Protein backbone atom coordinates (compact mmCIF):
# COMPACT_ATOMS: atom_id res chain seq x y z
CA UNK A 1 0.00 0.00 0.00
CA UNK A 2 1.40 3.41 -0.89
CA UNK A 3 2.67 5.76 1.78
CA UNK A 4 0.66 8.64 0.34
CA UNK A 5 -2.95 8.07 -0.67
CA UNK A 6 -4.99 10.12 -3.08
CA UNK A 7 -8.05 11.91 -1.67
CA UNK A 8 -10.55 9.41 -3.07
CA UNK A 9 -8.66 6.49 -1.54
CA UNK A 10 -8.42 8.23 1.84
CA UNK A 11 -12.19 8.86 1.81
CA UNK A 12 -12.98 5.22 0.97
CA UNK A 13 -10.63 3.85 3.63
CA UNK A 14 -11.92 6.31 6.27
CA UNK A 15 -15.54 5.37 5.56
CA UNK A 16 -14.82 1.66 5.93
CA UNK A 17 -12.76 2.25 9.08
CA UNK A 18 -15.75 4.12 10.63
CA UNK A 19 -18.08 1.30 9.55
CA UNK A 20 -15.66 -1.25 11.00
CA UNK A 21 -15.46 0.55 14.39
CA UNK A 22 -19.27 0.71 14.55
CA UNK A 23 -19.55 -2.97 13.63
CA UNK A 24 -17.03 -3.96 16.35
CA UNK A 25 -18.93 -1.88 18.95
CA UNK A 26 -22.12 -3.69 17.92
CA UNK A 27 -20.54 -7.17 17.91
CA UNK A 28 -17.65 -7.00 20.43
CA UNK A 29 -17.48 -10.78 20.88
CA UNK A 30 -17.07 -11.62 17.17
CA UNK A 31 -14.51 -14.24 16.14
CA UNK A 32 -11.30 -12.36 15.43
CA UNK A 33 -9.78 -15.41 13.77
CA UNK A 34 -12.15 -15.29 10.78
CA UNK A 35 -13.65 -11.78 11.01
CA UNK A 36 -17.11 -13.37 11.49
CA UNK A 37 -16.95 -15.03 8.07
CA UNK A 38 -17.18 -18.51 9.58
CA UNK A 39 -14.14 -19.66 7.65
CA UNK A 40 -12.38 -19.08 4.34
CA UNK A 41 -12.78 -20.18 0.75
CA UNK A 42 -9.77 -22.02 -0.60
CA UNK A 43 -8.69 -23.08 -4.04
CA UNK A 44 -7.14 -26.34 -2.86
CA UNK A 45 -7.71 -28.67 -5.81
CA UNK A 46 -8.07 -31.70 -3.55
CA UNK A 47 -10.93 -30.10 -1.60
CA UNK A 48 -12.74 -28.39 -4.47
CA UNK A 49 -16.51 -28.60 -4.55
CA UNK A 50 -17.51 -29.36 -8.11
CA UNK A 51 -20.33 -26.81 -8.26
CA UNK A 52 -18.33 -23.94 -6.78
CA UNK A 53 -14.80 -24.66 -7.99
CA UNK A 54 -13.47 -23.94 -4.51
CA UNK A 55 -13.77 -25.35 -1.00
CA UNK A 56 -14.95 -23.75 2.23
CA UNK A 57 -12.70 -24.31 5.23
CA UNK A 58 -14.74 -23.67 8.42
CA UNK A 59 -13.09 -21.63 11.16
CA UNK A 60 -11.92 -23.90 13.97
CA UNK A 61 -12.34 -21.21 16.61
CA UNK A 62 -16.03 -20.40 16.16
CA UNK A 63 -17.82 -22.75 13.73
CA UNK A 64 -15.69 -25.66 14.90
CA UNK A 65 -17.00 -25.02 18.43
CA UNK A 66 -20.63 -24.45 17.37
CA UNK A 67 -20.30 -20.74 18.19
CA UNK A 68 -21.76 -18.01 16.03
CA UNK A 69 -18.88 -16.11 14.37
CA UNK A 70 -20.63 -12.78 15.03
CA UNK A 71 -22.18 -13.01 18.53
CA UNK A 72 -20.20 -16.01 19.89
CA UNK A 73 -23.32 -17.68 21.30
CA UNK A 74 -23.90 -21.42 20.91
CA UNK A 75 -25.64 -22.51 17.69
CA UNK A 76 -26.79 -26.13 17.61
CA UNK A 77 -25.36 -28.10 14.68
CA UNK A 78 -23.31 -25.25 13.23
CA UNK A 79 -20.15 -27.25 12.69
CA UNK A 80 -21.99 -30.24 11.16
CA UNK A 81 -23.88 -28.29 8.51
CA UNK A 82 -22.87 -29.03 4.94
CA UNK A 83 -25.00 -26.54 3.05
CA UNK A 84 -24.28 -23.56 5.29
CA UNK A 85 -28.03 -23.03 5.68
CA UNK A 86 -28.13 -22.69 9.48
CA UNK A 87 -28.74 -19.22 10.86
CA UNK A 88 -27.81 -17.97 14.30
CA UNK A 89 -31.05 -17.84 16.33
CA UNK A 90 -29.58 -15.06 18.49
CA UNK A 91 -28.22 -12.48 16.00
CA UNK A 92 -29.50 -13.96 12.70
CA UNK A 93 -25.99 -14.28 11.25
CA UNK A 94 -26.10 -16.32 8.05
CA UNK A 95 -22.68 -17.12 6.58
CA UNK A 96 -22.11 -13.63 5.20
CA UNK A 97 -25.35 -13.64 3.18
CA UNK A 98 -26.92 -10.79 5.17
CA UNK A 99 -25.61 -7.22 5.20
CA UNK A 100 -23.49 -6.76 8.31
CA UNK A 101 -22.84 -10.47 8.83
CA UNK A 102 -19.08 -10.09 8.60
CA UNK A 103 -16.49 -7.59 9.74
CA UNK A 104 -16.11 -4.91 7.03
CA UNK A 105 -12.82 -5.22 5.17
CA UNK A 106 -10.71 -2.30 4.04
CA UNK A 107 -11.09 -1.58 0.34
CA UNK A 108 -8.33 -2.25 -2.13
CA UNK A 109 -6.10 0.80 -2.49
CA UNK A 110 -6.63 2.56 -5.82
CA UNK A 111 -3.63 4.86 -5.52
CA UNK A 112 -1.03 4.93 -8.27
CA UNK A 113 2.19 3.02 -7.69
CA UNK A 114 4.57 5.31 -5.75
CA UNK A 115 7.59 4.00 -7.68
CA UNK A 116 5.99 5.03 -10.97
CA UNK A 117 5.16 8.45 -9.53
CA UNK A 118 8.77 8.89 -8.37
CA UNK A 119 10.11 7.91 -11.78
CA UNK A 120 7.74 10.30 -13.54
CA UNK A 121 8.67 13.19 -11.22
CA UNK A 122 12.39 12.54 -11.62
CA UNK A 123 11.98 12.44 -15.40
CA UNK A 124 10.05 15.73 -15.29
CA UNK A 125 12.73 17.35 -13.10
CA UNK A 126 15.54 16.17 -15.35
CA UNK A 127 13.65 17.38 -18.40
CA UNK A 128 13.19 20.84 -16.84
CA UNK A 129 16.84 20.88 -15.77
CA UNK A 130 17.84 20.07 -19.36
CA UNK A 131 15.63 22.88 -20.72
CA UNK A 132 17.21 25.40 -18.36
CA UNK A 133 20.68 24.18 -19.30
CA UNK A 134 19.94 24.58 -23.02
CA UNK A 135 18.55 28.06 -22.38
CA UNK A 136 21.68 29.10 -20.45
CA UNK A 137 24.03 27.50 -23.03
CA UNK A 138 22.39 29.46 -25.85
CA UNK A 139 23.00 32.73 -24.07
CA UNK A 140 26.38 32.01 -22.50
CA UNK A 141 29.73 33.06 -23.72
CA UNK A 142 32.35 30.34 -24.35
CA UNK A 143 33.98 29.15 -21.12
CA UNK A 144 31.13 30.47 -18.92
CA UNK A 145 31.54 28.90 -15.48
CA UNK A 146 27.75 28.81 -14.89
CA UNK A 147 27.28 26.43 -17.85
CA UNK A 148 30.03 24.13 -16.57
CA UNK A 149 28.51 24.07 -13.10
CA UNK A 150 25.05 23.35 -14.54
CA UNK A 151 26.38 20.49 -16.67
CA UNK A 152 28.09 19.02 -13.62
CA UNK A 153 24.90 19.52 -11.58
CA UNK A 154 22.84 17.69 -14.21
CA UNK A 155 25.26 14.74 -14.10
CA UNK A 156 25.19 14.63 -10.28
CA UNK A 157 21.38 14.89 -10.25
CA UNK A 158 21.04 12.15 -12.88
CA UNK A 159 23.38 9.86 -10.93
CA UNK A 160 21.51 10.49 -7.67
CA UNK A 161 18.17 9.89 -9.37
CA UNK A 162 19.38 6.61 -10.87
CA UNK A 163 20.65 5.42 -7.47
CA UNK A 164 17.42 6.40 -5.73
CA UNK A 165 15.30 4.63 -8.33
CA UNK A 166 17.36 1.46 -7.98
CA UNK A 167 16.55 1.49 -4.25
CA UNK A 168 12.78 1.64 -4.89
C-alpha atoms as a PDB file:
ATOM      1  CA  UNK A   1       0.000   0.000   0.000  1.00  0.00           C
ATOM      2  CA  UNK A   2       1.405   3.407  -0.891  1.00  0.00           C
ATOM      3  CA  UNK A   3       2.665   5.759   1.781  1.00  0.00           C
ATOM      4  CA  UNK A   4       0.658   8.640   0.344  1.00  0.00           C
ATOM      5  CA  UNK A   5      -2.949   8.065  -0.666  1.00  0.00           C
ATOM      6  CA  UNK A   6      -4.989  10.120  -3.076  1.00  0.00           C
ATOM      7  CA  UNK A   7      -8.054  11.909  -1.667  1.00  0.00           C
ATOM      8  CA  UNK A   8     -10.548   9.410  -3.065  1.00  0.00           C
ATOM      9  CA  UNK A   9      -8.665   6.487  -1.544  1.00  0.00           C
ATOM     10  CA  UNK A  10      -8.423   8.226   1.842  1.00  0.00           C
ATOM     11  CA  UNK A  11     -12.187   8.855   1.810  1.00  0.00           C
ATOM     12  CA  UNK A  12     -12.976   5.219   0.965  1.00  0.00           C
ATOM     13  CA  UNK A  13     -10.625   3.849   3.625  1.00  0.00           C
ATOM     14  CA  UNK A  14     -11.918   6.305   6.268  1.00  0.00           C
ATOM     15  CA  UNK A  15     -15.544   5.370   5.556  1.00  0.00           C
ATOM     16  CA  UNK A  16     -14.820   1.661   5.933  1.00  0.00           C
ATOM     17  CA  UNK A  17     -12.762   2.251   9.084  1.00  0.00           C
ATOM     18  CA  UNK A  18     -15.752   4.118  10.632  1.00  0.00           C
ATOM     19  CA  UNK A  19     -18.077   1.299   9.550  1.00  0.00           C
ATOM     20  CA  UNK A  20     -15.657  -1.251  11.000  1.00  0.00           C
ATOM     21  CA  UNK A  21     -15.461   0.554  14.385  1.00  0.00           C
ATOM     22  CA  UNK A  22     -19.267   0.708  14.551  1.00  0.00           C
ATOM     23  CA  UNK A  23     -19.554  -2.968  13.630  1.00  0.00           C
ATOM     24  CA  UNK A  24     -17.033  -3.957  16.350  1.00  0.00           C
ATOM     25  CA  UNK A  25     -18.931  -1.883  18.952  1.00  0.00           C
ATOM     26  CA  UNK A  26     -22.123  -3.688  17.918  1.00  0.00           C
ATOM     27  CA  UNK A  27     -20.542  -7.173  17.912  1.00  0.00           C
ATOM     28  CA  UNK A  28     -17.653  -6.998  20.428  1.00  0.00           C
ATOM     29  CA  UNK A  29     -17.477 -10.783  20.880  1.00  0.00           C
ATOM     30  CA  UNK A  30     -17.065 -11.621  17.171  1.00  0.00           C
ATOM     31  CA  UNK A  31     -14.511 -14.238  16.144  1.00  0.00           C
ATOM     32  CA  UNK A  32     -11.298 -12.356  15.431  1.00  0.00           C
ATOM     33  CA  UNK A  33      -9.783 -15.413  13.770  1.00  0.00           C
ATOM     34  CA  UNK A  34     -12.151 -15.288  10.783  1.00  0.00           C
ATOM     35  CA  UNK A  35     -13.650 -11.778  11.007  1.00  0.00           C
ATOM     36  CA  UNK A  36     -17.113 -13.373  11.492  1.00  0.00           C
ATOM     37  CA  UNK A  37     -16.946 -15.029   8.065  1.00  0.00           C
ATOM     38  CA  UNK A  38     -17.184 -18.507   9.579  1.00  0.00           C
ATOM     39  CA  UNK A  39     -14.138 -19.661   7.646  1.00  0.00           C
ATOM     40  CA  UNK A  40     -12.384 -19.084   4.339  1.00  0.00           C
ATOM     41  CA  UNK A  41     -12.778 -20.178   0.746  1.00  0.00           C
ATOM     42  CA  UNK A  42      -9.768 -22.022  -0.601  1.00  0.00           C
ATOM     43  CA  UNK A  43      -8.686 -23.082  -4.038  1.00  0.00           C
ATOM     44  CA  UNK A  44      -7.144 -26.345  -2.856  1.00  0.00           C
ATOM     45  CA  UNK A  45      -7.712 -28.666  -5.809  1.00  0.00           C
ATOM     46  CA  UNK A  46      -8.072 -31.697  -3.546  1.00  0.00           C
ATOM     47  CA  UNK A  47     -10.933 -30.102  -1.601  1.00  0.00           C
ATOM     48  CA  UNK A  48     -12.739 -28.388  -4.470  1.00  0.00           C
ATOM     49  CA  UNK A  49     -16.512 -28.603  -4.548  1.00  0.00           C
ATOM     50  CA  UNK A  50     -17.515 -29.363  -8.109  1.00  0.00           C
ATOM     51  CA  UNK A  51     -20.332 -26.809  -8.255  1.00  0.00           C
ATOM     52  CA  UNK A  52     -18.332 -23.940  -6.776  1.00  0.00           C
ATOM     53  CA  UNK A  53     -14.801 -24.661  -7.988  1.00  0.00           C
ATOM     54  CA  UNK A  54     -13.471 -23.941  -4.510  1.00  0.00           C
ATOM     55  CA  UNK A  55     -13.772 -25.349  -1.004  1.00  0.00           C
ATOM     56  CA  UNK A  56     -14.946 -23.755   2.229  1.00  0.00           C
ATOM     57  CA  UNK A  57     -12.697 -24.309   5.233  1.00  0.00           C
ATOM     58  CA  UNK A  58     -14.737 -23.669   8.423  1.00  0.00           C
ATOM     59  CA  UNK A  59     -13.095 -21.634  11.164  1.00  0.00           C
ATOM     60  CA  UNK A  60     -11.924 -23.905  13.969  1.00  0.00           C
ATOM     61  CA  UNK A  61     -12.344 -21.215  16.613  1.00  0.00           C
ATOM     62  CA  UNK A  62     -16.029 -20.405  16.161  1.00  0.00           C
ATOM     63  CA  UNK A  63     -17.821 -22.747  13.734  1.00  0.00           C
ATOM     64  CA  UNK A  64     -15.690 -25.656  14.904  1.00  0.00           C
ATOM     65  CA  UNK A  65     -16.996 -25.017  18.434  1.00  0.00           C
ATOM     66  CA  UNK A  66     -20.634 -24.445  17.369  1.00  0.00           C
ATOM     67  CA  UNK A  67     -20.304 -20.738  18.185  1.00  0.00           C
ATOM     68  CA  UNK A  68     -21.756 -18.008  16.029  1.00  0.00           C
ATOM     69  CA  UNK A  69     -18.885 -16.113  14.374  1.00  0.00           C
ATOM     70  CA  UNK A  70     -20.626 -12.779  15.035  1.00  0.00           C
ATOM     71  CA  UNK A  71     -22.178 -13.012  18.529  1.00  0.00           C
ATOM     72  CA  UNK A  72     -20.200 -16.006  19.891  1.00  0.00           C
ATOM     73  CA  UNK A  73     -23.323 -17.683  21.302  1.00  0.00           C
ATOM     74  CA  UNK A  74     -23.905 -21.422  20.906  1.00  0.00           C
ATOM     75  CA  UNK A  75     -25.641 -22.510  17.687  1.00  0.00           C
ATOM     76  CA  UNK A  76     -26.787 -26.132  17.615  1.00  0.00           C
ATOM     77  CA  UNK A  77     -25.359 -28.104  14.677  1.00  0.00           C
ATOM     78  CA  UNK A  78     -23.313 -25.249  13.227  1.00  0.00           C
ATOM     79  CA  UNK A  79     -20.149 -27.250  12.689  1.00  0.00           C
ATOM     80  CA  UNK A  80     -21.995 -30.237  11.158  1.00  0.00           C
ATOM     81  CA  UNK A  81     -23.879 -28.290   8.514  1.00  0.00           C
ATOM     82  CA  UNK A  82     -22.865 -29.032   4.941  1.00  0.00           C
ATOM     83  CA  UNK A  83     -24.995 -26.540   3.053  1.00  0.00           C
ATOM     84  CA  UNK A  84     -24.280 -23.561   5.290  1.00  0.00           C
ATOM     85  CA  UNK A  85     -28.031 -23.025   5.682  1.00  0.00           C
ATOM     86  CA  UNK A  86     -28.135 -22.695   9.481  1.00  0.00           C
ATOM     87  CA  UNK A  87     -28.739 -19.215  10.864  1.00  0.00           C
ATOM     88  CA  UNK A  88     -27.814 -17.974  14.298  1.00  0.00           C
ATOM     89  CA  UNK A  89     -31.049 -17.837  16.333  1.00  0.00           C
ATOM     90  CA  UNK A  90     -29.577 -15.056  18.493  1.00  0.00           C
ATOM     91  CA  UNK A  91     -28.218 -12.476  16.002  1.00  0.00           C
ATOM     92  CA  UNK A  92     -29.500 -13.963  12.697  1.00  0.00           C
ATOM     93  CA  UNK A  93     -25.993 -14.283  11.253  1.00  0.00           C
ATOM     94  CA  UNK A  94     -26.102 -16.324   8.048  1.00  0.00           C
ATOM     95  CA  UNK A  95     -22.677 -17.118   6.579  1.00  0.00           C
ATOM     96  CA  UNK A  96     -22.108 -13.625   5.203  1.00  0.00           C
ATOM     97  CA  UNK A  97     -25.350 -13.635   3.182  1.00  0.00           C
ATOM     98  CA  UNK A  98     -26.922 -10.788   5.168  1.00  0.00           C
ATOM     99  CA  UNK A  99     -25.609  -7.224   5.196  1.00  0.00           C
ATOM    100  CA  UNK A 100     -23.492  -6.756   8.314  1.00  0.00           C
ATOM    101  CA  UNK A 101     -22.845 -10.471   8.830  1.00  0.00           C
ATOM    102  CA  UNK A 102     -19.076 -10.092   8.601  1.00  0.00           C
ATOM    103  CA  UNK A 103     -16.490  -7.591   9.744  1.00  0.00           C
ATOM    104  CA  UNK A 104     -16.113  -4.911   7.035  1.00  0.00           C
ATOM    105  CA  UNK A 105     -12.821  -5.219   5.171  1.00  0.00           C
ATOM    106  CA  UNK A 106     -10.710  -2.301   4.043  1.00  0.00           C
ATOM    107  CA  UNK A 107     -11.090  -1.576   0.342  1.00  0.00           C
ATOM    108  CA  UNK A 108      -8.330  -2.245  -2.126  1.00  0.00           C
ATOM    109  CA  UNK A 109      -6.096   0.797  -2.486  1.00  0.00           C
ATOM    110  CA  UNK A 110      -6.625   2.561  -5.820  1.00  0.00           C
ATOM    111  CA  UNK A 111      -3.630   4.857  -5.525  1.00  0.00           C
ATOM    112  CA  UNK A 112      -1.028   4.933  -8.270  1.00  0.00           C
ATOM    113  CA  UNK A 113       2.186   3.025  -7.694  1.00  0.00           C
ATOM    114  CA  UNK A 114       4.566   5.311  -5.749  1.00  0.00           C
ATOM    115  CA  UNK A 115       7.585   3.999  -7.680  1.00  0.00           C
ATOM    116  CA  UNK A 116       5.988   5.026 -10.965  1.00  0.00           C
ATOM    117  CA  UNK A 117       5.157   8.452  -9.525  1.00  0.00           C
ATOM    118  CA  UNK A 118       8.768   8.891  -8.366  1.00  0.00           C
ATOM    119  CA  UNK A 119      10.113   7.905 -11.779  1.00  0.00           C
ATOM    120  CA  UNK A 120       7.741  10.298 -13.535  1.00  0.00           C
ATOM    121  CA  UNK A 121       8.672  13.189 -11.219  1.00  0.00           C
ATOM    122  CA  UNK A 122      12.394  12.545 -11.619  1.00  0.00           C
ATOM    123  CA  UNK A 123      11.982  12.443 -15.400  1.00  0.00           C
ATOM    124  CA  UNK A 124      10.054  15.726 -15.287  1.00  0.00           C
ATOM    125  CA  UNK A 125      12.725  17.353 -13.102  1.00  0.00           C
ATOM    126  CA  UNK A 126      15.543  16.166 -15.351  1.00  0.00           C
ATOM    127  CA  UNK A 127      13.646  17.381 -18.396  1.00  0.00           C
ATOM    128  CA  UNK A 128      13.194  20.838 -16.842  1.00  0.00           C
ATOM    129  CA  UNK A 129      16.844  20.877 -15.769  1.00  0.00           C
ATOM    130  CA  UNK A 130      17.843  20.072 -19.361  1.00  0.00           C
ATOM    131  CA  UNK A 131      15.627  22.883 -20.724  1.00  0.00           C
ATOM    132  CA  UNK A 132      17.213  25.403 -18.360  1.00  0.00           C
ATOM    133  CA  UNK A 133      20.681  24.182 -19.298  1.00  0.00           C
ATOM    134  CA  UNK A 134      19.942  24.582 -23.022  1.00  0.00           C
ATOM    135  CA  UNK A 135      18.546  28.064 -22.383  1.00  0.00           C
ATOM    136  CA  UNK A 136      21.683  29.099 -20.454  1.00  0.00           C
ATOM    137  CA  UNK A 137      24.030  27.502 -23.027  1.00  0.00           C
ATOM    138  CA  UNK A 138      22.386  29.458 -25.846  1.00  0.00           C
ATOM    139  CA  UNK A 139      22.997  32.735 -24.069  1.00  0.00           C
ATOM    140  CA  UNK A 140      26.378  32.013 -22.504  1.00  0.00           C
ATOM    141  CA  UNK A 141      29.732  33.061 -23.721  1.00  0.00           C
ATOM    142  CA  UNK A 142      32.347  30.340 -24.345  1.00  0.00           C
ATOM    143  CA  UNK A 143      33.979  29.151 -21.118  1.00  0.00           C
ATOM    144  CA  UNK A 144      31.132  30.468 -18.917  1.00  0.00           C
ATOM    145  CA  UNK A 145      31.539  28.901 -15.483  1.00  0.00           C
ATOM    146  CA  UNK A 146      27.754  28.813 -14.894  1.00  0.00           C
ATOM    147  CA  UNK A 147      27.284  26.432 -17.854  1.00  0.00           C
ATOM    148  CA  UNK A 148      30.030  24.131 -16.565  1.00  0.00           C
ATOM    149  CA  UNK A 149      28.506  24.075 -13.095  1.00  0.00           C
ATOM    150  CA  UNK A 150      25.054  23.355 -14.540  1.00  0.00           C
ATOM    151  CA  UNK A 151      26.384  20.492 -16.670  1.00  0.00           C
ATOM    152  CA  UNK A 152      28.091  19.021 -13.620  1.00  0.00           C
ATOM    153  CA  UNK A 153      24.898  19.519 -11.576  1.00  0.00           C
ATOM    154  CA  UNK A 154      22.839  17.693 -14.210  1.00  0.00           C
ATOM    155  CA  UNK A 155      25.258  14.738 -14.098  1.00  0.00           C
ATOM    156  CA  UNK A 156      25.186  14.629 -10.282  1.00  0.00           C
ATOM    157  CA  UNK A 157      21.379  14.885 -10.246  1.00  0.00           C
ATOM    158  CA  UNK A 158      21.039  12.149 -12.880  1.00  0.00           C
ATOM    159  CA  UNK A 159      23.381   9.859 -10.934  1.00  0.00           C
ATOM    160  CA  UNK A 160      21.508  10.494  -7.666  1.00  0.00           C
ATOM    161  CA  UNK A 161      18.168   9.893  -9.373  1.00  0.00           C
ATOM    162  CA  UNK A 162      19.378   6.614 -10.865  1.00  0.00           C
ATOM    163  CA  UNK A 163      20.654   5.420  -7.469  1.00  0.00           C
ATOM    164  CA  UNK A 164      17.420   6.396  -5.733  1.00  0.00           C
ATOM    165  CA  UNK A 165      15.296   4.626  -8.332  1.00  0.00           C
ATOM    166  CA  UNK A 166      17.358   1.464  -7.985  1.00  0.00           C
ATOM    167  CA  UNK A 167      16.546   1.488  -4.248  1.00  0.00           C
ATOM    168  CA  UNK A 168      12.784   1.639  -4.891  1.00  0.00           C
END
